[in-house]
Amino acid sequence: MGVVAGVAILVALVALVLVFYLVARDRSRGREVGVADTTTDEVVAGLMTELRKWQAEAAYWKSTAERLQRELDGR
């Protein structure tokens, strides 16, 4: 009886792993490594927007620091 239960559990686990594999393969159909999808495009666009904001802020603070340095040098 114990052997039958062990085999049944093993078969159930193998079936569960097989189902997960098939679902994952189906969901990834048409996607290749290195090929951008719509989610990648959205993420890249958002990151580029944030990068531009940070660059603008850095330029502002740099010009402020240069202006303050010129004022200090003029005294």
N, C-alpha and C. Protein backbone atom coordinates (compact mmCIF):
# COMPACT_ATOMS: atom_id res chain seq x y z
N MET A 1 0.82 -1.19 0.00
CA MET A 1 0.00 0.00 0.00
C MET A 1 0.87 1.26 0.00
N GLY A 2 2.00 1.25 0.76
CA GLY A 2 2.88 2.40 0.83
C GLY A 2 3.56 2.68 -0.49
N VAL A 3 3.91 1.62 -1.23
CA VAL A 3 4.56 1.78 -2.52
C VAL A 3 3.60 2.42 -3.51
N VAL A 4 2.36 2.00 -3.49
CA VAL A 4 1.35 2.55 -4.40
C VAL A 4 1.14 4.03 -4.11
N ALA A 5 1.10 4.40 -2.84
CA ALA A 5 0.91 5.81 -2.47
C ALA A 5 2.13 6.63 -2.92
N GLY A 6 3.34 6.09 -2.74
CA GLY A 6 4.54 6.79 -3.17
C GLY A 6 4.59 7.00 -4.66
N VAL A 7 4.21 5.98 -5.42
CA VAL A 7 4.18 6.10 -6.88
C VAL A 7 3.11 7.10 -7.30
N ALA A 8 1.96 7.08 -6.62
CA ALA A 8 0.89 8.03 -6.95
C ALA A 8 1.34 9.47 -6.70
N ILE A 9 2.04 9.69 -5.59
CA ILE A 9 2.54 11.04 -5.29
C ILE A 9 3.58 11.46 -6.32
N LEU A 10 4.46 10.54 -6.69
CA LEU A 10 5.47 10.84 -7.69
C LEU A 10 4.84 11.18 -9.04
N VAL A 11 3.84 10.42 -9.45
CA VAL A 11 3.15 10.69 -10.71
C VAL A 11 2.45 12.05 -10.65
N ALA A 12 1.84 12.37 -9.51
CA ALA A 12 1.16 13.65 -9.35
C ALA A 12 2.15 14.81 -9.45
N LEU A 13 3.31 14.68 -8.83
CA LEU A 13 4.32 15.73 -8.89
C LEU A 13 4.86 15.92 -10.31
N VAL A 14 5.10 14.82 -11.00
CA VAL A 14 5.57 14.90 -12.39
C VAL A 14 4.51 15.57 -13.26
N ALA A 15 3.25 15.22 -13.05
CA ALA A 15 2.17 15.84 -13.82
C ALA A 15 2.08 17.33 -13.53
N LEU A 16 2.26 17.72 -12.28
CA LEU A 16 2.20 19.13 -11.90
C LEU A 16 3.34 19.91 -12.55
N VAL A 17 4.54 19.37 -12.52
CA VAL A 17 5.68 20.04 -13.16
C VAL A 17 5.46 20.15 -14.66
N LEU A 18 4.92 19.11 -15.27
CA LEU A 18 4.64 19.12 -16.70
C LEU A 18 3.61 20.20 -17.05
N VAL A 19 2.59 20.34 -16.24
CA VAL A 19 1.57 21.38 -16.48
C VAL A 19 2.20 22.77 -16.38
N PHE A 20 3.02 23.01 -15.34
CA PHE A 20 3.69 24.30 -15.21
C PHE A 20 4.59 24.57 -16.42
N TYR A 21 5.29 23.57 -16.88
CA TYR A 21 6.17 23.73 -18.04
C TYR A 21 5.37 24.10 -19.28
N LEU A 22 4.27 23.39 -19.51
CA LEU A 22 3.47 23.65 -20.71
C LEU A 22 2.83 25.03 -20.67
N VAL A 23 2.37 25.46 -19.50
CA VAL A 23 1.78 26.79 -19.38
C VAL A 23 2.85 27.86 -19.63
N ALA A 24 4.02 27.69 -19.05
CA ALA A 24 5.10 28.67 -19.25
C ALA A 24 5.53 28.72 -20.71
N ARG A 25 5.64 27.57 -21.34
CA ARG A 25 6.03 27.54 -22.75
C ARG A 25 4.98 28.23 -23.62
N ASP A 26 3.70 28.00 -23.31
CA ASP A 26 2.63 28.62 -24.09
C ASP A 26 2.63 30.14 -23.91
N ARG A 27 2.86 30.61 -22.69
CA ARG A 27 2.87 32.05 -22.44
C ARG A 27 4.06 32.75 -23.08
N SER A 28 5.15 32.03 -23.27
CA SER A 28 6.34 32.65 -23.85
C SER A 28 6.45 32.43 -25.35
N ARG A 29 5.44 31.88 -25.94
CA ARG A 29 5.46 31.61 -27.38
C ARG A 29 5.63 32.92 -28.15
N GLY A 30 6.52 32.93 -29.10
CA GLY A 30 6.74 34.11 -29.92
C GLY A 30 7.76 35.08 -29.34
N ARG A 31 8.29 34.78 -28.17
CA ARG A 31 9.30 35.65 -27.57
C ARG A 31 10.65 34.99 -27.70
N GLU A 32 11.60 35.79 -28.10
CA GLU A 32 12.96 35.30 -28.26
C GLU A 32 13.87 36.11 -27.35
N VAL A 33 14.99 35.55 -27.00
CA VAL A 33 15.96 36.24 -26.17
C VAL A 33 16.52 37.44 -26.93
N GLY A 34 16.52 38.59 -26.29
CA GLY A 34 17.07 39.79 -26.89
C GLY A 34 16.09 40.59 -27.73
N VAL A 35 14.87 40.08 -27.92
CA VAL A 35 13.87 40.79 -28.70
C VAL A 35 12.96 41.55 -27.73
N ALA A 36 12.83 42.86 -27.96
CA ALA A 36 12.02 43.69 -27.08
C ALA A 36 10.54 43.43 -27.30
N ASP A 37 9.78 43.49 -26.21
CA ASP A 37 8.32 43.37 -26.31
C ASP A 37 7.71 44.69 -25.83
N THR A 38 6.38 44.75 -25.74
CA THR A 38 5.71 46.00 -25.37
C THR A 38 6.08 46.44 -23.96
N THR A 39 6.22 45.51 -23.05
CA THR A 39 6.59 45.86 -21.69
C THR A 39 7.98 46.48 -21.66
N THR A 40 8.90 45.93 -22.41
CA THR A 40 10.26 46.47 -22.46
C THR A 40 10.24 47.90 -22.99
N ASP A 41 9.44 48.15 -24.03
CA ASP A 41 9.36 49.49 -24.59
C ASP A 41 8.83 50.49 -23.56
N GLU A 42 7.82 50.09 -22.78
CA GLU A 42 7.27 50.98 -21.76
C GLU A 42 8.30 51.27 -20.67
N VAL A 43 9.02 50.25 -20.26
CA VAL A 43 10.02 50.42 -19.20
C VAL A 43 11.14 51.32 -19.69
N VAL A 44 11.61 51.11 -20.90
CA VAL A 44 12.71 51.93 -21.45
C VAL A 44 12.25 53.37 -21.58
N ALA A 45 11.03 53.59 -22.05
CA ALA A 45 10.53 54.96 -22.19
C ALA A 45 10.46 55.65 -20.83
N GLY A 46 9.98 54.95 -19.83
CA GLY A 46 9.91 55.52 -18.48
C GLY A 46 11.28 55.82 -17.92
N LEU A 47 12.23 54.92 -18.13
CA LEU A 47 13.59 55.15 -17.64
C LEU A 47 14.26 56.33 -18.34
N MET A 48 14.02 56.45 -19.64
CA MET A 48 14.61 57.57 -20.38
C MET A 48 14.03 58.90 -19.90
N THR A 49 12.74 58.92 -19.59
CA THR A 49 12.11 60.13 -19.06
C THR A 49 12.74 60.51 -17.73
N GLU A 50 12.91 59.52 -16.85
CA GLU A 50 13.53 59.78 -15.55
C GLU A 50 14.98 60.24 -15.72
N LEU A 51 15.70 59.65 -16.66
CA LEU A 51 17.09 60.05 -16.91
C LEU A 51 17.16 61.50 -17.34
N ARG A 52 16.25 61.91 -18.23
CA ARG A 52 16.24 63.31 -18.67
C ARG A 52 15.96 64.26 -17.51
N LYS A 53 15.05 63.85 -16.61
CA LYS A 53 14.75 64.68 -15.43
C LYS A 53 15.99 64.83 -14.55
N TRP A 54 16.68 63.72 -14.30
CA TRP A 54 17.88 63.76 -13.46
C TRP A 54 18.98 64.59 -14.11
N GLN A 55 19.11 64.47 -15.43
CA GLN A 55 20.13 65.26 -16.13
C GLN A 55 19.82 66.75 -16.04
N ALA A 56 18.54 67.11 -16.18
CA ALA A 56 18.16 68.51 -16.09
C ALA A 56 18.40 69.04 -14.67
N GLU A 57 18.09 68.24 -13.68
CA GLU A 57 18.32 68.66 -12.30
C GLU A 57 19.81 68.80 -12.01
N ALA A 58 20.60 67.88 -12.52
CA ALA A 58 22.06 67.96 -12.32
C ALA A 58 22.62 69.21 -12.98
N ALA A 59 22.14 69.53 -14.17
CA ALA A 59 22.61 70.74 -14.87
C ALA A 59 22.22 71.99 -14.09
N TYR A 60 21.02 71.99 -13.52
CA TYR A 60 20.56 73.14 -12.73
C TYR A 60 21.48 73.34 -11.52
N TRP A 61 21.74 72.26 -10.78
CA TRP A 61 22.56 72.39 -9.58
C TRP A 61 24.01 72.72 -9.93
N LYS A 62 24.48 72.25 -11.06
CA LYS A 62 25.83 72.59 -11.48
C LYS A 62 25.94 74.08 -11.79
N SER A 63 24.95 74.60 -12.52
CA SER A 63 24.98 76.03 -12.83
C SER A 63 24.82 76.87 -11.56
N THR A 64 24.02 76.39 -10.62
CA THR A 64 23.87 77.11 -9.35
C THR A 64 25.19 77.13 -8.59
N ALA A 65 25.87 76.00 -8.53
CA ALA A 65 27.15 75.93 -7.83
C ALA A 65 28.18 76.83 -8.51
N GLU A 66 28.20 76.86 -9.83
CA GLU A 66 29.14 77.72 -10.55
C GLU A 66 28.85 79.19 -10.29
N ARG A 67 27.56 79.55 -10.27
CA ARG A 67 27.18 80.94 -10.00
C ARG A 67 27.59 81.35 -8.59
N LEU A 68 27.33 80.46 -7.62
CA LEU A 68 27.71 80.77 -6.24
C LEU A 68 29.23 80.89 -6.10
N GLN A 69 29.96 80.05 -6.82
CA GLN A 69 31.42 80.12 -6.77
C GLN A 69 31.92 81.43 -7.36
N ARG A 70 31.31 81.88 -8.46
CA ARG A 70 31.70 83.16 -9.06
C ARG A 70 31.42 84.30 -8.08
N GLU A 71 30.28 84.24 -7.36
CA GLU A 71 29.96 85.29 -6.40
C GLU A 71 30.98 85.30 -5.26
N LEU A 72 31.38 84.11 -4.82
CA LEU A 72 32.39 84.04 -3.76
C LEU A 72 33.74 84.55 -4.24
N ASP A 73 34.09 84.22 -5.47
CA ASP A 73 35.37 84.66 -6.02
C ASP A 73 35.38 86.18 -6.22
N GLY A 74 34.23 86.78 -6.46
CA GLY A 74 34.14 88.22 -6.70
C GLY A 74 34.27 89.03 -5.44
N ARG A 75 34.08 88.42 -4.29
CA ARG A 75 34.18 89.18 -3.03
C ARG A 75 35.57 89.42 -2.59
